[in-house]
Protein backbone atom coordinates (compact mmCIF):
# COMPACT_ATOMS: atom_id res chain seq x y z
CA MET A 1 162.17 127.72 63.25
CA SER A 2 162.54 128.65 67.19
CA SER A 3 165.14 126.81 69.11
CA ASP A 4 161.92 126.43 71.78
CA ASN A 5 159.64 124.87 68.68
CA HIS A 6 162.59 123.07 67.33
CA ASP A 7 162.58 121.06 71.02
CA LYS A 8 158.97 120.02 70.90
CA HIS A 9 158.90 118.69 67.75
CA LYS A 10 162.07 116.65 68.66
CA GLN A 11 160.67 115.86 71.68
CA ILE A 12 157.24 114.48 69.85
CA ALA A 13 159.47 112.55 67.49
CA ASP A 14 161.36 110.66 70.29
CA ARG A 15 157.73 109.96 72.06
CA PHE A 16 156.72 108.22 69.00
CA GLY A 17 159.90 106.54 67.99
CA ARG A 18 160.18 108.98 64.60
CA THR A 19 162.55 111.55 63.39
CA THR A 20 162.66 114.98 62.78
CA ASP A 21 165.51 114.44 60.04
CA PRO A 22 163.84 110.96 58.03
CA LEU A 23 166.23 111.46 55.28
CA ALA A 24 169.34 112.25 56.42
CA GLU A 25 170.35 107.99 56.54
CA TYR A 26 170.51 108.05 53.04
CA ASN A 27 172.48 110.79 52.00
CA GLU A 28 175.54 109.01 51.85
CA GLY A 29 173.93 106.34 49.61
CA PHE A 30 173.04 109.27 47.21
CA TRP A 31 176.53 110.79 46.76
CA ALA A 32 177.65 107.56 46.00
CA MET A 33 175.26 106.98 43.63
CA GLU A 34 176.09 110.28 41.93
CA THR A 35 179.76 110.45 41.96
CA GLU A 36 180.30 106.42 41.80
CA ASP A 37 176.95 105.60 39.03
CA GLY A 38 176.02 108.44 37.66
CA VAL A 39 172.58 108.72 38.82
CA ASP A 40 171.31 112.49 39.45
CA PRO A 41 167.84 111.87 40.41
CA PHE A 42 166.97 115.43 40.01
CA GLN A 43 167.47 114.90 36.17
CA LEU A 44 165.20 112.15 36.54
CA PHE A 45 162.74 114.74 37.88
CA LEU A 46 163.32 117.40 35.26
CA ASP A 47 163.31 114.52 32.64
CA GLU A 48 160.09 112.52 33.59
CA TYR A 49 158.38 115.58 35.33
CA VAL A 50 159.63 118.77 33.30
CA ARG A 51 161.36 118.37 30.17
CA ASN A 52 158.92 115.23 29.14
CA ARG A 53 155.62 117.32 28.94
CA ASP A 54 154.28 120.18 27.03
CA HIS A 55 155.63 122.74 28.83
CA SER A 56 156.94 126.15 27.49
CA ASP A 57 160.69 126.63 26.82
CA ASP A 58 160.42 129.37 29.67
CA TYR A 59 158.60 126.87 32.44
CA ILE A 60 161.60 124.35 31.85
CA LYS A 61 163.86 127.29 32.41
CA ASN A 62 162.59 128.31 35.36
CA ARG A 63 162.29 124.80 37.19
CA GLU A 64 166.05 123.89 35.96
CA ARG A 65 167.22 126.91 37.77
CA HIS A 66 165.35 126.50 40.86
CA VAL A 67 166.73 123.25 41.15
CA ARG A 68 170.05 123.97 40.30
CA GLN A 69 169.56 126.87 43.22
CA PHE A 70 168.82 124.70 45.82
CA ARG A 71 171.68 122.20 44.99
CA ASP A 72 174.24 125.16 45.27
CA PHE A 73 172.67 125.86 48.14
CA MET A 74 172.79 122.49 49.72
CA THR A 75 176.52 122.39 48.78
CA GLU A 76 177.77 126.27 50.25
CA HIS A 77 176.19 126.01 53.40
CA TYR A 78 175.47 122.03 54.28
CA ASP A 79 177.20 118.76 54.19
CA ARG A 80 174.01 117.19 52.93
CA HIS A 81 173.23 115.95 49.30
CA PRO A 82 169.97 117.69 48.15
CA ALA A 83 167.66 114.83 47.56
CA CYS A 84 167.93 114.42 51.40
CA ALA A 85 166.86 117.59 52.83
CA SER A 86 165.20 118.24 55.70
CA SER A 87 162.35 120.97 56.48
CA ARG A 88 164.69 123.03 58.20
CA HIS A 89 166.53 123.26 55.45
CA ALA A 90 163.91 123.79 53.17
CA MET A 91 163.19 127.30 55.38
CA GLU A 92 166.41 128.54 55.44
CA TRP A 93 166.65 128.48 51.72
CA ALA A 94 162.92 130.22 51.23
CA LYS A 95 164.33 132.49 53.95
CA ALA A 96 167.64 133.41 52.38
CA PHE A 97 165.76 134.70 49.32
CA LEU A 98 163.05 136.82 51.15
CA ASN A 99 166.01 138.51 52.76
CA ASP A 100 166.92 139.36 49.45
CA GLY A 101 164.31 141.14 48.80
CA LEU A 102 162.52 138.54 46.56
CA SER A 103 158.96 138.31 46.36
CA LYS A 104 156.71 136.23 47.97
CA ARG A 105 155.20 134.56 44.86
CA THR A 106 158.69 134.32 43.67
CA VAL A 107 159.88 132.45 46.57
CA ALA A 108 156.56 130.36 46.30
CA LYS A 109 157.26 129.31 42.56
CA LYS A 110 161.05 127.91 43.90
CA LEU A 111 159.33 125.90 46.89
CA SER A 112 156.67 124.65 44.58
CA THR A 113 159.44 123.80 42.06
CA LEU A 114 161.44 121.31 44.96
CA GLN A 115 157.99 120.34 46.30
CA LEU A 116 157.12 118.32 42.94
CA ALA A 117 160.58 116.81 42.89
CA TYR A 118 160.38 115.48 46.49
CA THR A 119 156.48 114.30 45.78
CA TYR A 120 158.33 112.49 42.31
CA PHE A 121 160.87 110.96 44.72
CA GLY A 122 157.96 109.68 47.35
CA ASN A 123 155.79 108.24 44.31
CA GLU A 124 159.04 106.47 42.90
CA PRO A 125 159.17 102.82 44.33
CA ASN A 126 163.03 102.43 44.14
CA PHE A 127 163.28 105.89 45.80
CA PRO A 128 163.45 105.49 49.93
CA HIS A 129 161.57 109.13 50.18
CA LYS A 130 157.68 108.26 51.15
CA THR A 131 154.71 110.44 50.64
CA ASP A 132 153.84 111.53 54.05
CA PHE A 133 157.20 113.77 54.21
CA ASN A 134 157.52 116.29 51.81
CA PRO A 135 160.10 118.71 53.27
CA PHE A 136 159.37 121.76 50.63
CA GLY A 137 155.14 121.01 51.80
CA SER A 138 156.00 121.59 55.43
CA ALA A 139 158.24 124.43 54.92
CA LYS A 140 155.59 126.51 52.86
CA GLY A 141 152.92 125.90 55.32
CA LYS A 142 155.70 127.22 58.10
CA ILE A 143 156.55 130.55 56.08
CA ASP A 144 154.28 133.40 55.51
CA LEU A 145 153.69 133.25 51.67
CA SER A 146 150.55 135.46 51.37
CA LYS A 147 150.05 138.07 48.54
CA GLU A 148 151.62 141.39 49.35
CA SER A 149 149.64 144.63 48.85
CA PRO A 150 149.50 145.74 45.38
CA LYS A 151 151.35 149.08 45.05
CA ASP A 152 150.54 151.42 42.50
CA PRO A 153 152.04 152.20 39.10
CA TYR A 154 153.52 154.96 38.47
CA PRO A 155 151.21 158.04 37.03
CA ILE A 156 153.69 159.18 34.61
CA PRO A 157 152.27 161.77 32.25
CA LEU A 158 152.19 161.17 28.56
CA PRO A 159 154.47 164.27 28.02
CA GLU A 160 157.34 162.18 30.42
CA LEU A 161 156.44 158.76 28.23
CA ARG A 162 157.37 161.11 25.23
CA ASP A 163 160.68 161.91 26.47
CA VAL A 164 161.49 158.61 27.27
CA ILE A 165 160.95 156.76 23.94
CA ARG A 166 161.48 159.98 21.71
CA ASP A 167 164.82 160.63 23.35
CA ASP A 168 166.07 157.58 25.18
CA ILE A 169 165.33 154.84 23.24
CA ARG A 170 167.37 155.18 20.02
CA HIS A 171 167.87 150.89 19.30
CA ILE A 172 164.74 150.55 16.21
CA ARG A 173 163.41 147.05 17.42
CA ASP A 174 163.92 148.20 21.20
CA ARG A 175 161.93 150.96 20.36
CA ALA A 176 159.12 149.14 18.07
CA LEU A 177 159.09 146.63 20.91
CA ILE A 178 158.17 148.53 23.66
CA VAL A 179 155.92 151.18 21.90
CA THR A 180 153.71 148.11 20.48
CA GLY A 181 153.62 147.53 24.10
CA PHE A 182 151.71 150.38 24.48
CA LYS A 183 149.96 151.15 21.69
CA THR A 184 148.38 147.30 21.58
CA LEU A 185 147.75 146.63 25.39
CA LEU A 186 149.58 143.19 24.71
CA ARG A 187 151.83 141.74 27.40
CA ALA A 188 155.34 140.95 26.70
CA SER A 189 154.71 137.23 26.22
CA GLU A 190 152.13 137.87 23.19
CA VAL A 191 154.11 140.52 21.81
CA CYS A 192 157.00 137.52 21.17
CA ASN A 193 154.33 135.75 19.55
CA ILE A 194 153.29 138.38 17.39
CA ARG A 195 153.95 136.32 13.93
CA LEU A 196 154.70 137.97 10.28
CA SER A 197 151.86 136.62 9.28
CA GLU A 198 149.34 138.16 11.52
CA VAL A 199 150.72 141.50 11.06
CA HIS A 200 149.06 143.42 8.33
CA ILE A 201 150.61 147.06 6.85
CA ALA A 202 150.09 148.59 3.98
CA ASN A 203 153.10 149.09 2.53
CA SER A 204 154.13 147.31 -0.79
CA GLU A 205 157.64 147.41 -0.58
CA LEU A 206 157.09 145.81 2.54
CA GLN A 207 155.40 143.17 1.40
CA ASN A 208 156.86 142.57 -1.22
CA HIS A 209 160.16 141.81 1.06
CA TYR A 210 157.74 139.74 3.44
CA PRO A 211 155.55 137.84 1.30
CA GLU A 212 153.96 136.31 4.20
CA LEU A 213 153.15 139.50 5.99
CA GLY A 214 149.22 140.10 6.87
CA THR A 215 148.37 136.82 5.17
CA HIS A 216 146.52 135.49 8.37
CA PRO A 217 142.61 134.55 7.10
CA ALA A 218 141.49 136.97 10.06
CA LEU A 219 143.09 139.70 8.74
CA ASP A 220 140.85 139.33 5.43
CA GLY A 221 139.26 143.20 4.72
CA ARG A 222 141.31 144.49 7.75
CA PRO A 223 144.37 146.49 6.73
CA ASN A 224 146.50 147.61 9.13
CA ALA A 225 145.92 145.51 12.04
CA VAL A 226 147.48 143.04 14.01
CA TYR A 227 146.24 139.43 15.07
CA VAL A 228 146.56 137.47 18.29
CA PRO A 229 145.01 134.82 19.07
CA HIS A 230 144.04 133.18 22.13
CA ASP A 231 145.26 129.99 22.38
CA ARG A 232 148.78 130.35 22.05
CA ASP A 233 151.08 129.05 24.51
CA ARG A 234 151.68 131.70 26.62
CA ASN A 235 148.93 134.39 24.95
CA LYS A 236 146.88 134.92 27.97
CA ARG A 237 143.88 136.39 26.56
CA GLU A 238 140.32 134.90 26.95
CA ARG A 239 139.51 136.01 23.30
CA PRO A 240 141.28 136.21 19.83
CA THR A 241 141.47 139.66 18.67
CA ILE A 242 142.29 142.08 16.42
CA ILE A 243 143.71 145.66 16.72
CA PRO A 244 144.27 148.42 14.68
CA LEU A 245 147.86 150.14 13.59
CA ASP A 246 147.62 153.69 13.78
CA ASP A 247 150.05 155.52 11.28
CA GLU A 248 152.55 155.81 14.26
CA LEU A 249 152.71 152.36 15.30
CA ARG A 250 152.94 151.16 11.68
CA ARG A 251 156.10 154.16 11.10
CA ILE A 252 157.76 152.63 14.00
CA LEU A 253 157.52 148.79 12.95
CA LEU A 254 158.12 149.79 8.79
CA GLN A 255 161.39 150.94 10.37
CA TYR A 256 162.11 148.27 12.47
CA LEU A 257 161.28 145.53 9.26
CA LEU A 258 163.88 147.15 6.85
CA VAL A 259 166.34 146.04 9.34
CA ARG A 260 165.47 143.07 10.97
CA PRO A 261 167.41 140.03 10.17
CA ASP A 262 167.01 138.35 7.20
CA ASN A 263 166.24 134.70 7.82
CA ASP A 264 163.21 132.09 7.51
CA GLU A 265 162.25 132.82 11.29
CA SER A 266 157.98 133.42 11.28
CA TRP A 267 158.08 135.79 14.32
CA LEU A 268 157.77 139.12 14.02
CA PHE A 269 160.62 140.54 16.94
CA LEU A 270 163.89 138.74 17.07
CA SER A 271 166.67 138.94 19.26
CA LYS A 272 169.79 141.22 18.24
CA THR A 273 172.68 138.53 18.17
CA LYS A 274 171.04 135.20 17.01
CA GLY A 275 167.94 136.45 15.24
CA ARG A 276 165.95 134.38 17.14
CA LYS A 277 162.37 134.71 19.13
CA MET A 278 162.91 136.34 21.71
CA ASP A 279 161.22 135.36 25.35
CA HIS A 280 158.82 137.56 27.56
CA THR A 281 162.04 138.10 29.50
CA ASN A 282 164.03 139.97 27.10
CA VAL A 283 161.66 142.09 26.34
CA ASN A 284 160.53 142.96 29.93
CA ASP A 285 164.42 143.60 30.51
CA ARG A 286 164.71 145.82 27.67
CA TRP A 287 161.33 148.19 29.88
CA LYS A 288 163.71 148.19 32.81
CA GLU A 289 167.02 149.36 30.47
CA TYR A 290 164.85 152.41 29.86
CA PHE A 291 162.43 153.41 32.37
CA ARG A 292 164.62 152.20 35.88
CA PRO A 293 166.05 153.26 37.99
CA ARG A 294 163.79 156.56 37.50
CA TYR A 295 160.74 154.65 37.10
CA GLY A 296 162.08 151.44 39.61
CA PRO A 297 160.21 150.11 42.74
CA THR A 298 159.53 152.49 45.86
CA ASP A 299 157.71 152.07 48.66
CA ARG A 300 154.57 153.18 47.27
CA PHE A 301 154.85 152.35 43.76
CA ARG A 302 155.78 149.06 41.62
CA GLY A 303 158.62 149.72 39.21
CA VAL A 304 157.83 150.30 35.72
CA SER A 305 158.07 146.52 33.39
CA SER A 306 156.60 145.24 30.19
CA HIS A 307 153.20 145.19 32.21
CA TYR A 308 153.39 149.07 31.85
CA GLY A 309 151.87 149.75 28.66
CA ARG A 310 148.84 147.45 29.45
CA HIS A 311 147.82 149.66 32.27
CA PHE A 312 148.67 152.79 30.70
CA GLY A 313 146.53 151.70 27.76
CA THR A 314 143.51 150.33 29.61
CA THR A 315 143.38 153.83 31.56
CA TRP A 316 143.82 155.67 28.68
CA PHE A 317 140.85 154.57 27.13
CA LYS A 318 138.93 153.86 30.00
CA VAL A 319 139.31 156.81 31.87
CA GLU A 320 140.83 159.46 29.11
CA GLN A 321 138.83 158.92 26.67
CA ASN A 322 135.56 157.27 28.43
CA TRP A 323 135.50 154.33 26.49
CA PRO A 324 132.37 151.55 27.52
CA ARG A 325 133.54 148.93 29.72
CA ASP A 326 133.24 146.28 26.94
CA LEU A 327 135.35 148.00 24.18
CA VAL A 328 137.95 148.25 26.37
CA LYS A 329 137.93 145.06 27.65
CA TYR A 330 137.41 143.63 24.04
CA LEU A 331 140.94 145.60 23.21
CA ARG A 332 142.71 143.98 26.22
CA GLY A 333 141.35 140.37 25.42
CA ASP A 334 139.16 139.96 28.33
CA LYS A 335 136.07 137.69 28.64
CA GLN A 336 132.90 138.96 27.83
CA SER A 337 129.48 137.68 27.55
CA GLY A 338 130.07 135.30 24.77
CA GLY A 339 132.58 133.26 26.98
CA LYS A 340 135.90 132.21 25.88
CA ILE A 341 135.93 131.09 22.19
CA ARG A 342 137.66 128.03 21.23
CA SER A 343 138.18 127.94 17.52
CA THR A 344 139.64 130.68 15.02
CA ARG A 345 136.73 129.75 13.02
CA ASP A 346 134.15 130.54 15.51
CA ALA A 347 135.59 133.87 16.73
CA ILE A 348 135.86 135.61 13.08
CA ASP A 349 132.01 134.23 12.05
CA SER A 350 130.80 135.68 15.66
CA TYR A 351 132.40 138.24 17.64
CA ILE A 352 135.37 139.69 16.22
CA HIS A 353 133.80 140.78 12.86
CA THR A 354 131.63 142.69 15.17
CA TYR A 355 134.00 144.27 18.07
CA TYR A 356 136.97 145.37 15.60
CA GLU A 357 134.72 147.09 13.23
CA ASP A 358 133.24 148.82 16.57
CA ILE A 359 136.41 149.82 17.81
CA GLU A 360 138.53 150.08 14.64
CA ASP A 361 137.74 154.39 13.52
CA ARG A 362 137.45 155.71 17.58
CA TYR A 363 140.78 153.70 17.93
CA ARG A 364 142.46 155.47 15.19
CA GLY A 365 141.39 158.58 16.21
CA GLU A 366 141.51 158.82 20.19
CA VAL A 367 145.11 156.17 20.50
CA PHE A 368 147.41 158.38 22.16
CA LYS A 369 150.53 159.91 20.49
CA PHE A 370 154.30 159.75 21.25
CA ARG A 371 155.04 162.29 18.21
CA ILE A 372 157.98 160.20 17.31
């Protein structure tokens, strides 16, 4: 806010007996409550509005991080408890992120978390906050957070991709993660959500070692394929999908499964250190590790990340192989004329059987190869 506009806001407040910083008078009380009574208002917010609901671990971690970042900002720059912010504090916090190069979308999410916290304070009768003032709602209205024009993805030729995957990605699990993203067009979160039971690989040695491998009912009669449900947390597809596994991806997955940690986890891909389910940020970091800085963000192109596999696969089948639009939409899990399917039974009995058989042979014959 310019100094001229700040003065005008103050003049309006003076005229009507209001203030531009209505929460300042509660600053000492909040510090005393936290230091003497051990009550942190933000922990109450996180417990009752975030952790107490059916949110993913990633959602909860992001909200906790946003709160922590604002606390750190107020501690470093102002002698003010973070529960007593003014609109100016909220705006300067957001602008600091924008100046550091964060996207408007990311900054908007951070502001939304704190706006929700202040909404919670205002709705609780024991807090001094009022529902007619939310510093973060005010800040969001005064900062340009409109969507930026999307950048083009890198037009990386297949031979260049082969070089990266064959020569640079030596870790067996990382190669399996990334090739799976390319070949199946799955999002990073959907790759993380694959269970052993949802992957069928026709290999007796492997099936003896992993009895649950490929046992999902949707894979009955459909060997060498992966089943992707639509109703699992962070699976953003509109319909359940069965995707063929070509010989190259099967071989890469076989190599990975032979060295995968031997534990009771049901997920296909596990972390290197603890042998637990990966999350989409872990997968995205692996893509960035191998494709950047060579294919990092520029003024024209967006940097290669896990979403690049979905873009490349869509372009390959629609443009290079001239697939009909409906078949590409099936492969991507996009909504078609039948609408969003609500149960696995409906999906299997209606259109998954038909559409999978429509794409299976064509997919196996026309999918791109990395020659690994």
